[in-house]
N, C-alpha and C. Protein backbone atom coordinates (compact mmCIF):
# COMPACT_ATOMS: atom_id res chain seq x y z
N MET A 1 -14.74 -18.99 -1.03
CA MET A 1 -14.50 -17.71 -0.37
C MET A 1 -15.82 -17.16 0.15
N SER A 2 -15.82 -16.71 1.38
CA SER A 2 -17.07 -16.41 2.07
C SER A 2 -17.81 -15.21 1.48
N LYS A 3 -17.07 -14.18 1.06
CA LYS A 3 -17.77 -13.00 0.57
C LYS A 3 -17.34 -12.69 -0.85
N LYS A 4 -18.31 -12.43 -1.71
CA LYS A 4 -18.02 -12.21 -3.11
C LYS A 4 -18.04 -10.74 -3.49
N SER A 5 -18.83 -9.94 -2.77
CA SER A 5 -18.96 -8.55 -3.17
C SER A 5 -18.98 -7.66 -1.93
N PRO A 6 -18.06 -6.72 -1.84
CA PRO A 6 -16.91 -6.53 -2.72
C PRO A 6 -15.80 -7.56 -2.44
N LEU A 7 -15.01 -7.84 -3.47
CA LEU A 7 -13.82 -8.68 -3.32
C LEU A 7 -12.68 -7.76 -2.91
N ILE A 8 -12.03 -8.06 -1.79
CA ILE A 8 -10.94 -7.21 -1.30
C ILE A 8 -9.60 -7.83 -1.63
N LEU A 9 -8.80 -7.10 -2.41
CA LEU A 9 -7.46 -7.53 -2.78
C LEU A 9 -6.44 -6.71 -2.00
N GLY A 10 -5.33 -7.33 -1.65
CA GLY A 10 -4.23 -6.61 -1.01
C GLY A 10 -2.96 -6.83 -1.79
N VAL A 11 -2.25 -5.75 -2.10
CA VAL A 11 -0.96 -5.84 -2.79
C VAL A 11 0.09 -5.24 -1.86
N ALA A 12 1.01 -6.08 -1.39
CA ALA A 12 2.06 -5.65 -0.47
C ALA A 12 3.42 -5.92 -1.09
N GLY A 13 4.46 -5.52 -0.39
CA GLY A 13 5.82 -5.68 -0.87
C GLY A 13 6.67 -4.55 -0.33
N GLY A 14 7.96 -4.71 -0.40
CA GLY A 14 8.85 -3.68 0.12
C GLY A 14 8.75 -2.37 -0.63
N SER A 15 9.25 -1.31 -0.01
CA SER A 15 9.26 0.00 -0.65
C SER A 15 10.05 -0.05 -1.95
N GLY A 16 9.42 0.37 -3.07
CA GLY A 16 10.08 0.33 -4.35
C GLY A 16 10.02 -1.01 -5.05
N SER A 17 9.17 -1.90 -4.57
CA SER A 17 9.10 -3.25 -5.16
C SER A 17 8.35 -3.29 -6.48
N GLY A 18 7.58 -2.25 -6.77
CA GLY A 18 6.80 -2.24 -8.01
C GLY A 18 5.33 -2.49 -7.77
N LYS A 19 4.86 -2.24 -6.54
CA LYS A 19 3.45 -2.46 -6.21
C LYS A 19 2.52 -1.63 -7.10
N THR A 20 2.89 -0.37 -7.33
CA THR A 20 2.03 0.51 -8.13
C THR A 20 1.87 -0.03 -9.54
N THR A 21 2.95 -0.53 -10.13
CA THR A 21 2.87 -1.10 -11.47
C THR A 21 1.94 -2.31 -11.49
N VAL A 22 2.08 -3.17 -10.48
CA VAL A 22 1.22 -4.36 -10.39
C VAL A 22 -0.25 -3.94 -10.24
N VAL A 23 -0.49 -2.96 -9.38
CA VAL A 23 -1.86 -2.46 -9.18
C VAL A 23 -2.43 -1.94 -10.50
N ASN A 24 -1.65 -1.14 -11.22
CA ASN A 24 -2.12 -0.57 -12.49
C ASN A 24 -2.41 -1.66 -13.52
N LYS A 25 -1.57 -2.69 -13.56
CA LYS A 25 -1.79 -3.79 -14.51
C LYS A 25 -3.07 -4.56 -14.17
N ILE A 26 -3.32 -4.76 -12.89
CA ILE A 26 -4.55 -5.45 -12.46
C ILE A 26 -5.77 -4.62 -12.85
N VAL A 27 -5.70 -3.32 -12.58
CA VAL A 27 -6.83 -2.43 -12.91
C VAL A 27 -7.09 -2.43 -14.42
N GLU A 28 -6.02 -2.38 -15.21
CA GLU A 28 -6.17 -2.42 -16.66
C GLU A 28 -6.83 -3.72 -17.11
N GLY A 29 -6.43 -4.82 -16.48
CA GLY A 29 -6.96 -6.11 -16.88
C GLY A 29 -8.39 -6.35 -16.45
N ILE A 30 -8.80 -5.76 -15.34
CA ILE A 30 -10.14 -5.98 -14.80
C ILE A 30 -11.13 -4.92 -15.28
N GLY A 31 -10.64 -3.70 -15.43
CA GLY A 31 -11.53 -2.60 -15.81
C GLY A 31 -11.61 -1.59 -14.67
N ARG A 32 -11.19 -0.36 -14.95
CA ARG A 32 -11.11 0.67 -13.90
C ARG A 32 -12.46 0.93 -13.22
N GLU A 33 -13.54 0.76 -13.96
CA GLU A 33 -14.87 1.03 -13.41
C GLU A 33 -15.28 0.03 -12.33
N LYS A 34 -14.56 -1.09 -12.24
CA LYS A 34 -14.90 -2.13 -11.26
C LYS A 34 -14.05 -2.07 -10.00
N VAL A 35 -13.01 -1.22 -10.03
CA VAL A 35 -12.01 -1.26 -8.96
C VAL A 35 -11.91 0.07 -8.20
N LEU A 36 -11.94 -0.01 -6.88
CA LEU A 36 -11.64 1.12 -6.01
C LEU A 36 -10.27 0.87 -5.38
N ILE A 37 -9.33 1.78 -5.62
CA ILE A 37 -7.98 1.65 -5.07
C ILE A 37 -7.87 2.51 -3.82
N ILE A 38 -7.37 1.89 -2.75
CA ILE A 38 -7.12 2.62 -1.51
C ILE A 38 -5.68 2.35 -1.09
N GLU A 39 -4.91 3.41 -0.94
CA GLU A 39 -3.51 3.27 -0.55
C GLU A 39 -3.36 3.40 0.96
N HIS A 40 -2.63 2.47 1.55
CA HIS A 40 -2.36 2.53 2.98
C HIS A 40 -1.63 3.83 3.34
N ASP A 41 -0.80 4.31 2.40
CA ASP A 41 -0.05 5.56 2.63
C ASP A 41 -0.95 6.76 2.90
N SER A 42 -2.19 6.70 2.42
CA SER A 42 -3.12 7.81 2.67
C SER A 42 -3.46 7.95 4.15
N TYR A 43 -3.20 6.91 4.91
CA TYR A 43 -3.60 6.87 6.31
C TYR A 43 -2.45 7.17 7.28
N TYR A 44 -1.37 7.76 6.77
CA TYR A 44 -0.31 8.20 7.68
C TYR A 44 -0.89 9.18 8.70
N ARG A 45 -0.43 9.07 9.91
CA ARG A 45 -0.92 9.95 10.98
C ARG A 45 -0.43 11.38 10.76
N ASP A 46 -1.27 12.32 11.10
CA ASP A 46 -0.95 13.74 10.95
C ASP A 46 0.13 14.13 11.96
N LEU A 47 1.20 14.77 11.46
CA LEU A 47 2.30 15.20 12.34
C LEU A 47 2.38 16.72 12.46
N SER A 48 1.29 17.40 12.15
CA SER A 48 1.30 18.86 12.17
C SER A 48 1.58 19.43 13.56
N HIS A 49 1.38 18.63 14.60
CA HIS A 49 1.63 19.11 15.97
C HIS A 49 3.12 19.16 16.29
N LEU A 50 3.97 18.61 15.41
CA LEU A 50 5.41 18.60 15.64
C LEU A 50 6.10 19.63 14.76
N PRO A 51 7.24 20.18 15.22
CA PRO A 51 8.04 21.05 14.35
C PRO A 51 8.50 20.26 13.12
N PHE A 52 8.67 20.94 11.98
CA PHE A 52 9.03 20.24 10.75
C PHE A 52 10.33 19.45 10.91
N SER A 53 11.27 19.99 11.68
CA SER A 53 12.55 19.30 11.89
C SER A 53 12.34 17.95 12.57
N GLU A 54 11.32 17.86 13.44
CA GLU A 54 11.01 16.59 14.12
C GLU A 54 10.24 15.65 13.21
N ARG A 55 9.37 16.20 12.37
CA ARG A 55 8.61 15.37 11.44
C ARG A 55 9.54 14.58 10.53
N LYS A 56 10.61 15.25 10.06
CA LYS A 56 11.54 14.61 9.13
C LYS A 56 12.25 13.40 9.76
N LYS A 57 12.34 13.40 11.09
CA LYS A 57 13.04 12.32 11.79
C LYS A 57 12.13 11.14 12.12
N HIS A 58 10.86 11.28 11.81
CA HIS A 58 9.86 10.26 12.17
C HIS A 58 10.11 8.96 11.41
N ASN A 59 9.83 7.85 12.06
CA ASN A 59 9.96 6.53 11.42
C ASN A 59 8.66 6.20 10.69
N PHE A 60 8.62 6.48 9.39
CA PHE A 60 7.41 6.28 8.60
C PHE A 60 7.25 4.83 8.14
N ASP A 61 8.21 3.99 8.47
CA ASP A 61 8.15 2.59 8.05
C ASP A 61 7.74 1.64 9.16
N HIS A 62 7.36 2.20 10.31
CA HIS A 62 6.85 1.39 11.43
C HIS A 62 5.33 1.37 11.38
N PRO A 63 4.70 0.24 11.69
CA PRO A 63 3.24 0.15 11.63
C PRO A 63 2.49 1.23 12.39
N THR A 64 3.06 1.71 13.50
CA THR A 64 2.36 2.71 14.31
C THR A 64 2.28 4.07 13.63
N SER A 65 3.04 4.27 12.55
CA SER A 65 2.99 5.56 11.85
C SER A 65 1.73 5.72 11.02
N LEU A 66 0.96 4.63 10.88
CA LEU A 66 -0.25 4.63 10.06
C LEU A 66 -1.49 4.42 10.91
N GLU A 67 -2.56 5.12 10.56
CA GLU A 67 -3.82 4.97 11.27
C GLU A 67 -4.61 3.81 10.64
N THR A 68 -4.08 2.61 10.85
CA THR A 68 -4.67 1.42 10.23
C THR A 68 -6.07 1.16 10.74
N GLU A 69 -6.34 1.53 11.97
CA GLU A 69 -7.67 1.31 12.53
C GLU A 69 -8.74 2.06 11.74
N LEU A 70 -8.39 3.25 11.22
CA LEU A 70 -9.33 4.00 10.39
C LEU A 70 -9.54 3.30 9.04
N MET A 71 -8.47 2.79 8.48
CA MET A 71 -8.59 2.06 7.21
C MET A 71 -9.50 0.84 7.37
N ILE A 72 -9.38 0.15 8.48
CA ILE A 72 -10.22 -1.03 8.74
C ILE A 72 -11.69 -0.61 8.83
N ARG A 73 -11.95 0.49 9.54
CA ARG A 73 -13.33 0.97 9.63
C ARG A 73 -13.88 1.33 8.25
N HIS A 74 -13.03 1.91 7.42
CA HIS A 74 -13.45 2.26 6.06
C HIS A 74 -13.74 1.02 5.23
N LEU A 75 -12.92 0.00 5.33
CA LEU A 75 -13.17 -1.25 4.60
C LEU A 75 -14.48 -1.89 5.04
N ASP A 76 -14.74 -1.87 6.34
CA ASP A 76 -15.99 -2.44 6.86
C ASP A 76 -17.19 -1.65 6.36
N ALA A 77 -17.04 -0.32 6.30
CA ALA A 77 -18.13 0.51 5.79
C ALA A 77 -18.41 0.22 4.32
N LEU A 78 -17.36 0.12 3.52
CA LEU A 78 -17.52 -0.19 2.11
C LEU A 78 -18.16 -1.56 1.90
N ALA A 79 -17.75 -2.53 2.72
CA ALA A 79 -18.32 -3.87 2.61
C ALA A 79 -19.81 -3.89 2.90
N ASN A 80 -20.26 -2.89 3.66
CA ASN A 80 -21.68 -2.79 4.00
C ASN A 80 -22.42 -1.78 3.13
N GLY A 81 -21.75 -1.32 2.07
CA GLY A 81 -22.42 -0.47 1.10
C GLY A 81 -22.37 1.02 1.36
N TYR A 82 -21.54 1.46 2.32
CA TYR A 82 -21.47 2.88 2.66
C TYR A 82 -20.32 3.59 1.96
N LYS A 83 -20.48 4.87 1.73
CA LYS A 83 -19.43 5.71 1.16
C LYS A 83 -18.45 6.09 2.27
N ILE A 84 -17.19 6.32 1.90
CA ILE A 84 -16.19 6.72 2.88
C ILE A 84 -15.47 7.99 2.42
N GLU A 85 -14.71 8.58 3.33
CA GLU A 85 -13.89 9.76 3.02
C GLU A 85 -12.43 9.39 3.28
N ILE A 86 -11.68 9.19 2.20
CA ILE A 86 -10.28 8.77 2.31
C ILE A 86 -9.40 9.98 2.63
N PRO A 87 -8.52 9.86 3.62
CA PRO A 87 -7.63 10.99 3.96
C PRO A 87 -6.70 11.33 2.80
N VAL A 88 -6.23 12.58 2.80
CA VAL A 88 -5.24 13.03 1.82
C VAL A 88 -3.99 13.43 2.61
N TYR A 89 -2.85 12.80 2.29
CA TYR A 89 -1.62 13.05 3.05
C TYR A 89 -0.60 13.80 2.20
N ASP A 90 0.06 14.77 2.82
CA ASP A 90 1.10 15.57 2.16
C ASP A 90 2.46 14.99 2.57
N PHE A 91 3.14 14.35 1.61
CA PHE A 91 4.41 13.68 1.91
C PHE A 91 5.58 14.65 1.98
N VAL A 92 5.39 15.88 1.56
CA VAL A 92 6.45 16.88 1.67
C VAL A 92 6.46 17.48 3.06
N ASP A 93 5.28 17.86 3.56
CA ASP A 93 5.17 18.48 4.89
C ASP A 93 4.89 17.47 6.00
N HIS A 94 4.55 16.23 5.63
CA HIS A 94 4.22 15.18 6.61
C HIS A 94 2.99 15.55 7.44
N THR A 95 1.98 16.04 6.75
CA THR A 95 0.74 16.41 7.42
C THR A 95 -0.45 15.86 6.63
N ARG A 96 -1.58 15.73 7.32
CA ARG A 96 -2.80 15.28 6.67
C ARG A 96 -3.67 16.49 6.33
N SER A 97 -4.13 16.53 5.10
CA SER A 97 -4.95 17.65 4.63
C SER A 97 -6.33 17.63 5.29
N GLU A 98 -6.94 18.80 5.34
CA GLU A 98 -8.32 18.87 5.82
C GLU A 98 -9.28 18.31 4.77
N GLU A 99 -8.82 18.25 3.53
CA GLU A 99 -9.64 17.69 2.46
C GLU A 99 -9.60 16.18 2.49
N THR A 100 -10.64 15.55 1.96
CA THR A 100 -10.69 14.10 1.83
C THR A 100 -11.18 13.74 0.43
N ILE A 101 -11.07 12.47 0.08
CA ILE A 101 -11.56 11.98 -1.21
C ILE A 101 -12.74 11.05 -0.96
N SER A 102 -13.90 11.39 -1.50
CA SER A 102 -15.08 10.56 -1.34
C SER A 102 -14.95 9.31 -2.20
N ALA A 103 -15.32 8.16 -1.65
CA ALA A 103 -15.23 6.90 -2.39
C ALA A 103 -16.42 6.02 -2.06
N SER A 104 -17.00 5.44 -3.08
CA SER A 104 -18.14 4.54 -2.93
C SER A 104 -17.71 3.10 -3.22
N PRO A 105 -18.44 2.12 -2.70
CA PRO A 105 -18.07 0.72 -2.92
C PRO A 105 -18.08 0.35 -4.40
N LYS A 106 -17.16 -0.53 -4.78
CA LYS A 106 -17.14 -1.12 -6.12
C LYS A 106 -17.00 -2.63 -5.97
N LYS A 107 -17.07 -3.33 -7.08
CA LYS A 107 -17.00 -4.79 -7.02
C LYS A 107 -15.69 -5.27 -6.42
N ILE A 108 -14.61 -4.53 -6.70
CA ILE A 108 -13.30 -4.88 -6.16
C ILE A 108 -12.73 -3.69 -5.40
N ILE A 109 -12.27 -3.95 -4.19
CA ILE A 109 -11.54 -2.94 -3.42
C ILE A 109 -10.09 -3.41 -3.36
N LEU A 110 -9.19 -2.61 -3.90
CA LEU A 110 -7.79 -2.99 -3.96
C LEU A 110 -6.99 -2.07 -3.05
N ILE A 111 -6.37 -2.66 -2.04
CA ILE A 111 -5.56 -1.86 -1.12
C ILE A 111 -4.09 -2.23 -1.33
N ASP A 112 -3.23 -1.23 -1.21
CA ASP A 112 -1.80 -1.52 -1.35
C ASP A 112 -1.01 -0.78 -0.29
N GLY A 113 0.13 -1.36 0.07
CA GLY A 113 0.98 -0.76 1.09
C GLY A 113 2.01 -1.77 1.56
N ILE A 114 3.12 -1.27 2.08
CA ILE A 114 4.19 -2.17 2.48
C ILE A 114 3.83 -2.97 3.73
N LEU A 115 2.93 -2.45 4.55
CA LEU A 115 2.69 -3.06 5.86
C LEU A 115 1.31 -3.70 6.01
N ILE A 116 0.54 -3.82 4.93
CA ILE A 116 -0.85 -4.27 5.08
C ILE A 116 -0.96 -5.73 5.55
N PHE A 117 0.05 -6.56 5.29
CA PHE A 117 -0.03 -7.95 5.73
C PHE A 117 0.55 -8.15 7.13
N SER A 118 1.17 -7.10 7.68
CA SER A 118 1.74 -7.20 9.03
C SER A 118 0.73 -6.85 10.11
N GLU A 119 -0.45 -6.39 9.68
CA GLU A 119 -1.52 -5.99 10.60
C GLU A 119 -2.60 -7.07 10.62
N PRO A 120 -2.70 -7.88 11.69
CA PRO A 120 -3.64 -9.02 11.69
C PRO A 120 -5.08 -8.65 11.39
N LYS A 121 -5.61 -7.59 11.99
CA LYS A 121 -7.02 -7.23 11.79
C LYS A 121 -7.27 -6.74 10.38
N LEU A 122 -6.28 -6.11 9.78
CA LEU A 122 -6.42 -5.69 8.38
C LEU A 122 -6.29 -6.89 7.47
N ARG A 123 -5.33 -7.72 7.77
CA ARG A 123 -5.05 -8.90 6.94
C ARG A 123 -6.26 -9.83 6.83
N GLU A 124 -7.00 -9.99 7.91
CA GLU A 124 -8.13 -10.92 7.90
C GLU A 124 -9.29 -10.42 7.05
N ARG A 125 -9.26 -9.16 6.66
CA ARG A 125 -10.31 -8.61 5.81
C ARG A 125 -9.98 -8.72 4.32
N ILE A 126 -8.77 -9.18 4.01
CA ILE A 126 -8.32 -9.25 2.62
C ILE A 126 -8.56 -10.65 2.07
N ASP A 127 -9.29 -10.73 0.96
CA ASP A 127 -9.64 -12.02 0.37
C ASP A 127 -8.49 -12.65 -0.41
N ILE A 128 -7.79 -11.83 -1.19
CA ILE A 128 -6.64 -12.32 -1.96
C ILE A 128 -5.44 -11.44 -1.64
N LYS A 129 -4.38 -12.07 -1.12
CA LYS A 129 -3.20 -11.33 -0.69
C LYS A 129 -2.04 -11.59 -1.67
N ILE A 130 -1.56 -10.51 -2.28
CA ILE A 130 -0.50 -10.59 -3.30
C ILE A 130 0.73 -9.86 -2.79
N PHE A 131 1.88 -10.53 -2.84
CA PHE A 131 3.13 -9.92 -2.38
C PHE A 131 4.06 -9.75 -3.58
N VAL A 132 4.53 -8.53 -3.79
CA VAL A 132 5.45 -8.23 -4.89
C VAL A 132 6.87 -8.32 -4.36
N ASP A 133 7.63 -9.27 -4.88
CA ASP A 133 8.96 -9.59 -4.36
C ASP A 133 10.04 -9.12 -5.32
N THR A 134 10.83 -8.12 -4.91
CA THR A 134 11.83 -7.53 -5.78
C THR A 134 13.15 -7.38 -5.03
N ASP A 135 14.26 -7.53 -5.75
CA ASP A 135 15.59 -7.46 -5.13
C ASP A 135 15.80 -6.13 -4.40
N ASP A 136 16.56 -6.17 -3.32
CA ASP A 136 16.78 -5.00 -2.48
C ASP A 136 17.42 -3.84 -3.24
N ASP A 137 18.42 -4.13 -4.11
CA ASP A 137 19.11 -3.04 -4.80
C ASP A 137 18.18 -2.33 -5.78
N VAL A 138 17.29 -3.08 -6.41
CA VAL A 138 16.32 -2.48 -7.33
C VAL A 138 15.36 -1.59 -6.56
N ARG A 139 14.91 -2.06 -5.40
CA ARG A 139 13.96 -1.29 -4.59
C ARG A 139 14.59 0.02 -4.11
N LEU A 140 15.86 -0.03 -3.71
CA LEU A 140 16.54 1.18 -3.23
C LEU A 140 16.64 2.22 -4.34
N VAL A 141 17.03 1.82 -5.53
CA VAL A 141 17.14 2.76 -6.64
C VAL A 141 15.79 3.39 -6.93
N ARG A 142 14.73 2.58 -6.94
CA ARG A 142 13.38 3.11 -7.21
C ARG A 142 12.95 4.08 -6.12
N ARG A 143 13.29 3.76 -4.87
CA ARG A 143 12.90 4.66 -3.77
C ARG A 143 13.64 5.99 -3.89
N LEU A 144 14.91 5.94 -4.24
CA LEU A 144 15.67 7.17 -4.43
C LEU A 144 15.00 8.06 -5.47
N ARG A 145 14.68 7.49 -6.61
CA ARG A 145 14.05 8.27 -7.68
C ARG A 145 12.73 8.86 -7.23
N ARG A 146 11.90 8.04 -6.58
CA ARG A 146 10.57 8.51 -6.17
C ARG A 146 10.65 9.62 -5.14
N ASP A 147 11.44 9.40 -4.09
CA ASP A 147 11.47 10.37 -2.99
C ASP A 147 12.09 11.70 -3.41
N ILE A 148 13.05 11.66 -4.34
CA ILE A 148 13.69 12.89 -4.79
C ILE A 148 12.78 13.66 -5.74
N THR A 149 12.15 12.94 -6.69
CA THR A 149 11.35 13.62 -7.72
C THR A 149 9.93 13.93 -7.26
N GLU A 150 9.34 13.07 -6.41
CA GLU A 150 7.93 13.23 -6.05
C GLU A 150 7.71 13.78 -4.65
N ARG A 151 8.67 13.59 -3.76
CA ARG A 151 8.42 13.93 -2.36
C ARG A 151 9.38 14.98 -1.80
N GLY A 152 10.12 15.63 -2.69
CA GLY A 152 10.93 16.77 -2.28
C GLY A 152 12.09 16.44 -1.36
N ARG A 153 12.62 15.22 -1.42
CA ARG A 153 13.74 14.84 -0.55
C ARG A 153 15.06 15.01 -1.31
N ASP A 154 16.17 15.07 -0.55
CA ASP A 154 17.48 15.11 -1.19
C ASP A 154 18.14 13.74 -1.09
N PHE A 155 19.18 13.52 -1.89
CA PHE A 155 19.84 12.22 -2.00
C PHE A 155 20.30 11.69 -0.65
N ASP A 156 21.05 12.52 0.10
CA ASP A 156 21.59 12.09 1.40
C ASP A 156 20.47 11.79 2.39
N GLY A 157 19.40 12.59 2.34
CA GLY A 157 18.28 12.37 3.25
C GLY A 157 17.58 11.05 3.00
N VAL A 158 17.43 10.70 1.71
CA VAL A 158 16.78 9.44 1.37
C VAL A 158 17.63 8.26 1.84
N LEU A 159 18.94 8.33 1.60
CA LEU A 159 19.83 7.25 2.03
C LEU A 159 19.87 7.11 3.54
N ASP A 160 19.89 8.26 4.23
CA ASP A 160 19.90 8.24 5.69
C ASP A 160 18.63 7.57 6.23
N GLN A 161 17.49 7.93 5.65
CA GLN A 161 16.22 7.33 6.07
C GLN A 161 16.20 5.83 5.77
N TYR A 162 16.77 5.45 4.63
CA TYR A 162 16.81 4.04 4.25
C TYR A 162 17.61 3.23 5.26
N GLU A 163 18.77 3.74 5.65
CA GLU A 163 19.64 3.02 6.57
C GLU A 163 19.05 2.95 7.98
N LYS A 164 18.44 4.06 8.42
CA LYS A 164 17.93 4.13 9.79
C LYS A 164 16.59 3.41 9.96
N PHE A 165 15.72 3.54 8.96
CA PHE A 165 14.34 3.07 9.14
C PHE A 165 13.88 2.05 8.10
N VAL A 166 14.08 2.37 6.82
CA VAL A 166 13.46 1.54 5.77
C VAL A 166 13.96 0.10 5.81
N ARG A 167 15.26 -0.09 5.78
CA ARG A 167 15.80 -1.45 5.76
C ARG A 167 15.51 -2.22 7.05
N PRO A 168 15.75 -1.62 8.25
CA PRO A 168 15.43 -2.36 9.48
C PRO A 168 13.95 -2.73 9.59
N MET A 169 13.06 -1.80 9.20
CA MET A 169 11.63 -2.08 9.30
C MET A 169 11.19 -3.11 8.25
N HIS A 170 11.86 -3.09 7.10
CA HIS A 170 11.56 -4.10 6.08
C HIS A 170 11.88 -5.50 6.63
N LEU A 171 13.03 -5.62 7.28
CA LEU A 171 13.45 -6.92 7.82
C LEU A 171 12.57 -7.36 8.99
N GLU A 172 12.10 -6.37 9.77
CA GLU A 172 11.30 -6.71 10.96
C GLU A 172 9.83 -6.97 10.65
N PHE A 173 9.27 -6.20 9.71
CA PHE A 173 7.82 -6.27 9.49
C PHE A 173 7.41 -6.73 8.08
N VAL A 174 8.04 -6.17 7.05
CA VAL A 174 7.57 -6.43 5.69
C VAL A 174 7.94 -7.83 5.21
N GLU A 175 9.21 -8.17 5.28
CA GLU A 175 9.65 -9.48 4.79
C GLU A 175 8.96 -10.64 5.51
N PRO A 176 8.83 -10.59 6.85
CA PRO A 176 8.13 -11.69 7.53
C PRO A 176 6.65 -11.80 7.13
N SER A 177 6.04 -10.68 6.72
CA SER A 177 4.61 -10.72 6.37
C SER A 177 4.36 -11.43 5.04
N LYS A 178 5.42 -11.70 4.30
CA LYS A 178 5.30 -12.38 3.01
C LYS A 178 4.67 -13.76 3.18
N ARG A 179 4.88 -14.37 4.34
CA ARG A 179 4.36 -15.73 4.55
C ARG A 179 2.83 -15.77 4.61
N TYR A 180 2.20 -14.61 4.79
CA TYR A 180 0.74 -14.57 4.84
C TYR A 180 0.12 -14.41 3.44
N SER A 181 0.95 -14.19 2.43
CA SER A 181 0.43 -13.94 1.09
C SER A 181 -0.10 -15.22 0.45
N ASP A 182 -1.07 -15.06 -0.43
CA ASP A 182 -1.60 -16.17 -1.22
C ASP A 182 -0.80 -16.33 -2.51
N ILE A 183 -0.32 -15.21 -3.03
CA ILE A 183 0.41 -15.20 -4.30
C ILE A 183 1.64 -14.31 -4.14
N ILE A 184 2.79 -14.80 -4.60
CA ILE A 184 4.02 -14.01 -4.61
C ILE A 184 4.40 -13.76 -6.06
N ILE A 185 4.61 -12.48 -6.41
CA ILE A 185 4.98 -12.11 -7.77
C ILE A 185 6.43 -11.64 -7.77
N PRO A 186 7.37 -12.48 -8.22
CA PRO A 186 8.75 -12.02 -8.36
C PRO A 186 8.86 -11.03 -9.52
N ARG A 187 9.74 -10.04 -9.37
CA ARG A 187 10.06 -9.06 -10.41
C ARG A 187 8.92 -8.09 -10.70
N GLY A 188 7.86 -8.12 -9.92
CA GLY A 188 6.81 -7.11 -10.02
C GLY A 188 6.11 -7.04 -11.35
N GLY A 189 5.95 -5.81 -11.85
CA GLY A 189 5.17 -5.57 -13.05
C GLY A 189 5.76 -6.17 -14.31
N GLU A 190 7.04 -6.58 -14.26
CA GLU A 190 7.67 -7.21 -15.42
C GLU A 190 7.22 -8.66 -15.59
N ASN A 191 6.63 -9.23 -14.56
CA ASN A 191 6.25 -10.64 -14.60
C ASN A 191 4.86 -10.78 -15.21
N THR A 192 4.80 -10.75 -16.52
CA THR A 192 3.51 -10.76 -17.22
C THR A 192 2.75 -12.07 -17.02
N VAL A 193 3.48 -13.18 -16.91
CA VAL A 193 2.81 -14.47 -16.72
C VAL A 193 2.05 -14.49 -15.40
N ALA A 194 2.72 -14.05 -14.32
CA ALA A 194 2.08 -14.02 -13.01
C ALA A 194 0.89 -13.06 -13.00
N LEU A 195 1.05 -11.92 -13.65
CA LEU A 195 -0.04 -10.94 -13.68
C LEU A 195 -1.25 -11.48 -14.44
N GLU A 196 -1.02 -12.18 -15.54
CA GLU A 196 -2.13 -12.77 -16.29
C GLU A 196 -2.87 -13.79 -15.44
N MET A 197 -2.13 -14.56 -14.64
CA MET A 197 -2.76 -15.55 -13.77
C MET A 197 -3.59 -14.86 -12.69
N VAL A 198 -3.05 -13.78 -12.11
CA VAL A 198 -3.77 -13.04 -11.08
C VAL A 198 -5.06 -12.44 -11.63
N ILE A 199 -4.97 -11.84 -12.80
CA ILE A 199 -6.15 -11.22 -13.43
C ILE A 199 -7.22 -12.28 -13.72
N ALA A 200 -6.78 -13.45 -14.22
CA ALA A 200 -7.73 -14.53 -14.50
C ALA A 200 -8.40 -15.02 -13.21
N LEU A 201 -7.62 -15.08 -12.13
CA LEU A 201 -8.18 -15.49 -10.83
C LEU A 201 -9.23 -14.52 -10.35
N ILE A 202 -8.95 -13.23 -10.46
CA ILE A 202 -9.89 -12.20 -10.03
C ILE A 202 -11.16 -12.26 -10.87
N GLN A 203 -10.99 -12.37 -12.17
CA GLN A 203 -12.16 -12.44 -13.05
C GLN A 203 -13.03 -13.63 -12.74
N GLY A 204 -12.41 -14.71 -12.29
CA GLY A 204 -13.17 -15.89 -11.92
C GLY A 204 -14.04 -15.69 -10.70
N HIS A 205 -13.70 -14.70 -9.87
CA HIS A 205 -14.46 -14.42 -8.66
C HIS A 205 -15.56 -13.38 -8.89
N LEU A 206 -15.52 -12.73 -10.03
CA LEU A 206 -16.52 -11.68 -10.31
C LEU A 206 -17.82 -12.29 -10.83
């Protein structure tokens, strides 16, 4: 592998696949002090210029909804030893905060998001690509719980968004991007054997 420091990991998978659990298990296994986590979701484009009724109708599962070019610039800056300012996104109002989160380079930069492997320029910066593969029905139930409890959505609204955007975009962008992964983890965070192998692989690169 051409570059050793920082080592850039990517964790992708469909919405509700268990990416966060996998990320947390990796961080626990490697040591939080060695890992900088950057979520692709932080880079959603600001929709404050639109009425709230229009923001709710936006397709948040299409690659163009994210400012991936900014994330790429941030990864390049970190790779060269510079500090970055990570955006803060409000998922209730669909706007980007004026505040940011300062982040400095660490030995491992771990990025996660459903669409990170569908973006060629982002993908080529990732040293180890991990795809979390989980059944569709499990992902839908998890998304329902998350969006209702954490993002202020109602049941019908979540299902409507799933049918209109989430499932079609998953089939068009997320599922095909699985072929670019180096490692596929079925069942997500429950797959302890796969996680132990991933952690051992990462430790071998440190």
